[in-house]
Amino acid sequence: MMSVANTYESQSPQTQYLFAGLIEVFRDSDTGRLAMIPFSDLRKLFPLKTGQKAR
């Protein structure tokens, strides 16, 4: 899991939580929260190699 802090001039700061640094699973700010719940286990996707497909 990786967190990224975003700041915008016209809005409150926002923190995103990314799985493997690529897939957003949660976002938090003063204006609200958003959770994206995957339908499958994301751990099966990583680590990907060139040309590899997820099972």
C-alpha atoms as a PDB file:
ATOM      1  CA  MET A   1       0.000   0.000   0.000  1.00  0.00           C
ATOM      2  CA  MET A   2       1.216   3.457  -0.837  1.00  0.00           C
ATOM      3  CA  SER A   3      -0.230   6.827   0.136  1.00  0.00           C
ATOM      4  CA  VAL A   4      -0.065   9.967  -2.011  1.00  0.00           C
ATOM      5  CA  ALA A   5      -0.913  13.438  -0.707  1.00  0.00           C
ATOM      6  CA  ASN A   6      -2.434  15.811  -3.280  1.00  0.00           C
ATOM      7  CA  THR A   7      -3.000  19.532  -2.795  1.00  0.00           C
ATOM      8  CA  TYR A   8      -5.155  21.721  -5.007  1.00  0.00           C
ATOM      9  CA  GLU A   9      -5.533  25.499  -4.976  1.00  0.00           C
ATOM     10  CA  SER A  10      -9.314  25.519  -4.753  1.00  0.00           C
ATOM     11  CA  GLN A  11      -9.948  22.399  -2.622  1.00  0.00           C
ATOM     12  CA  SER A  12      -8.868  20.741   0.610  1.00  0.00           C
ATOM     13  CA  PRO A  13      -5.851  18.393   0.624  1.00  0.00           C
ATOM     14  CA  GLN A  14      -6.565  14.851  -0.508  1.00  0.00           C
ATOM     15  CA  THR A  15      -4.844  11.568   0.346  1.00  0.00           C
ATOM     16  CA  GLN A  16      -5.023   8.589  -2.002  1.00  0.00           C
ATOM     17  CA  TYR A  17      -4.139   5.033  -1.002  1.00  0.00           C
ATOM     18  CA  LEU A  18      -2.849   2.915  -3.874  1.00  0.00           C
ATOM     19  CA  PHE A  19      -2.324  -0.839  -4.017  1.00  0.00           C
ATOM     20  CA  ALA A  20       1.149  -1.554  -5.426  1.00  0.00           C
ATOM     21  CA  GLY A  21       1.354   2.142  -6.279  1.00  0.00           C
ATOM     22  CA  LEU A  22      -1.004   1.652  -9.256  1.00  0.00           C
ATOM     23  CA  ILE A  23      -4.579   0.843  -8.246  1.00  0.00           C
ATOM     24  CA  GLU A  24      -6.507   3.342  -6.132  1.00  0.00           C
ATOM     25  CA  VAL A  25      -8.451   1.667  -3.326  1.00  0.00           C
ATOM     26  CA  PHE A  26      -9.242   4.598  -1.006  1.00  0.00           C
ATOM     27  CA  ARG A  27      -9.365   8.406  -1.149  1.00  0.00           C
ATOM     28  CA  ASP A  28      -9.749  10.728   1.829  1.00  0.00           C
ATOM     29  CA  SER A  29     -10.246  14.507   2.083  1.00  0.00           C
ATOM     30  CA  ASP A  30     -12.091  17.068   4.185  1.00  0.00           C
ATOM     31  CA  THR A  31     -15.007  16.949   1.738  1.00  0.00           C
ATOM     32  CA  GLY A  32     -15.481  13.171   1.898  1.00  0.00           C
ATOM     33  CA  ARG A  33     -14.149   9.652   1.559  1.00  0.00           C
ATOM     34  CA  LEU A  34     -14.308   7.192  -1.293  1.00  0.00           C
ATOM     35  CA  ALA A  35     -13.538   3.467  -1.098  1.00  0.00           C
ATOM     36  CA  MET A  36     -13.203   1.235  -4.141  1.00  0.00           C
ATOM     37  CA  ILE A  37     -13.601  -2.400  -3.167  1.00  0.00           C
ATOM     38  CA  PRO A  38     -12.193  -4.853  -5.729  1.00  0.00           C
ATOM     39  CA  PHE A  39     -14.179  -7.977  -6.631  1.00  0.00           C
ATOM     40  CA  SER A  40     -11.069 -10.167  -6.626  1.00  0.00           C
ATOM     41  CA  ASP A  41      -7.780 -10.506  -4.783  1.00  0.00           C
ATOM     42  CA  LEU A  42      -5.415  -7.843  -6.152  1.00  0.00           C
ATOM     43  CA  ARG A  43      -2.357  -9.670  -4.808  1.00  0.00           C
ATOM     44  CA  LYS A  44      -2.706 -12.179  -7.665  1.00  0.00           C
ATOM     45  CA  LEU A  45      -1.979  -9.416 -10.196  1.00  0.00           C
ATOM     46  CA  PHE A  46       1.503  -8.543  -8.942  1.00  0.00           C
ATOM     47  CA  PRO A  47       4.338  -8.792  -9.709  1.00  0.00           C
ATOM     48  CA  LEU A  48       3.633  -8.555 -13.418  1.00  0.00           C
ATOM     49  CA  LYS A  49       6.361  -9.153 -15.979  1.00  0.00           C
ATOM     50  CA  THR A  50       6.483  -8.042 -19.617  1.00  0.00           C
ATOM     51  CA  GLY A  51       3.966 -10.074 -21.624  1.00  0.00           C
ATOM     52  CA  GLN A  52       2.558 -11.867 -18.562  1.00  0.00           C
ATOM     53  CA  LYS A  53      -1.174 -12.142 -18.001  1.00  0.00           C
ATOM     54  CA  ALA A  54      -2.947 -12.369 -14.654  1.00  0.00           C
ATOM     55  CA  ARG A  55      -4.549 -15.729 -13.826  1.00  0.00           C
END
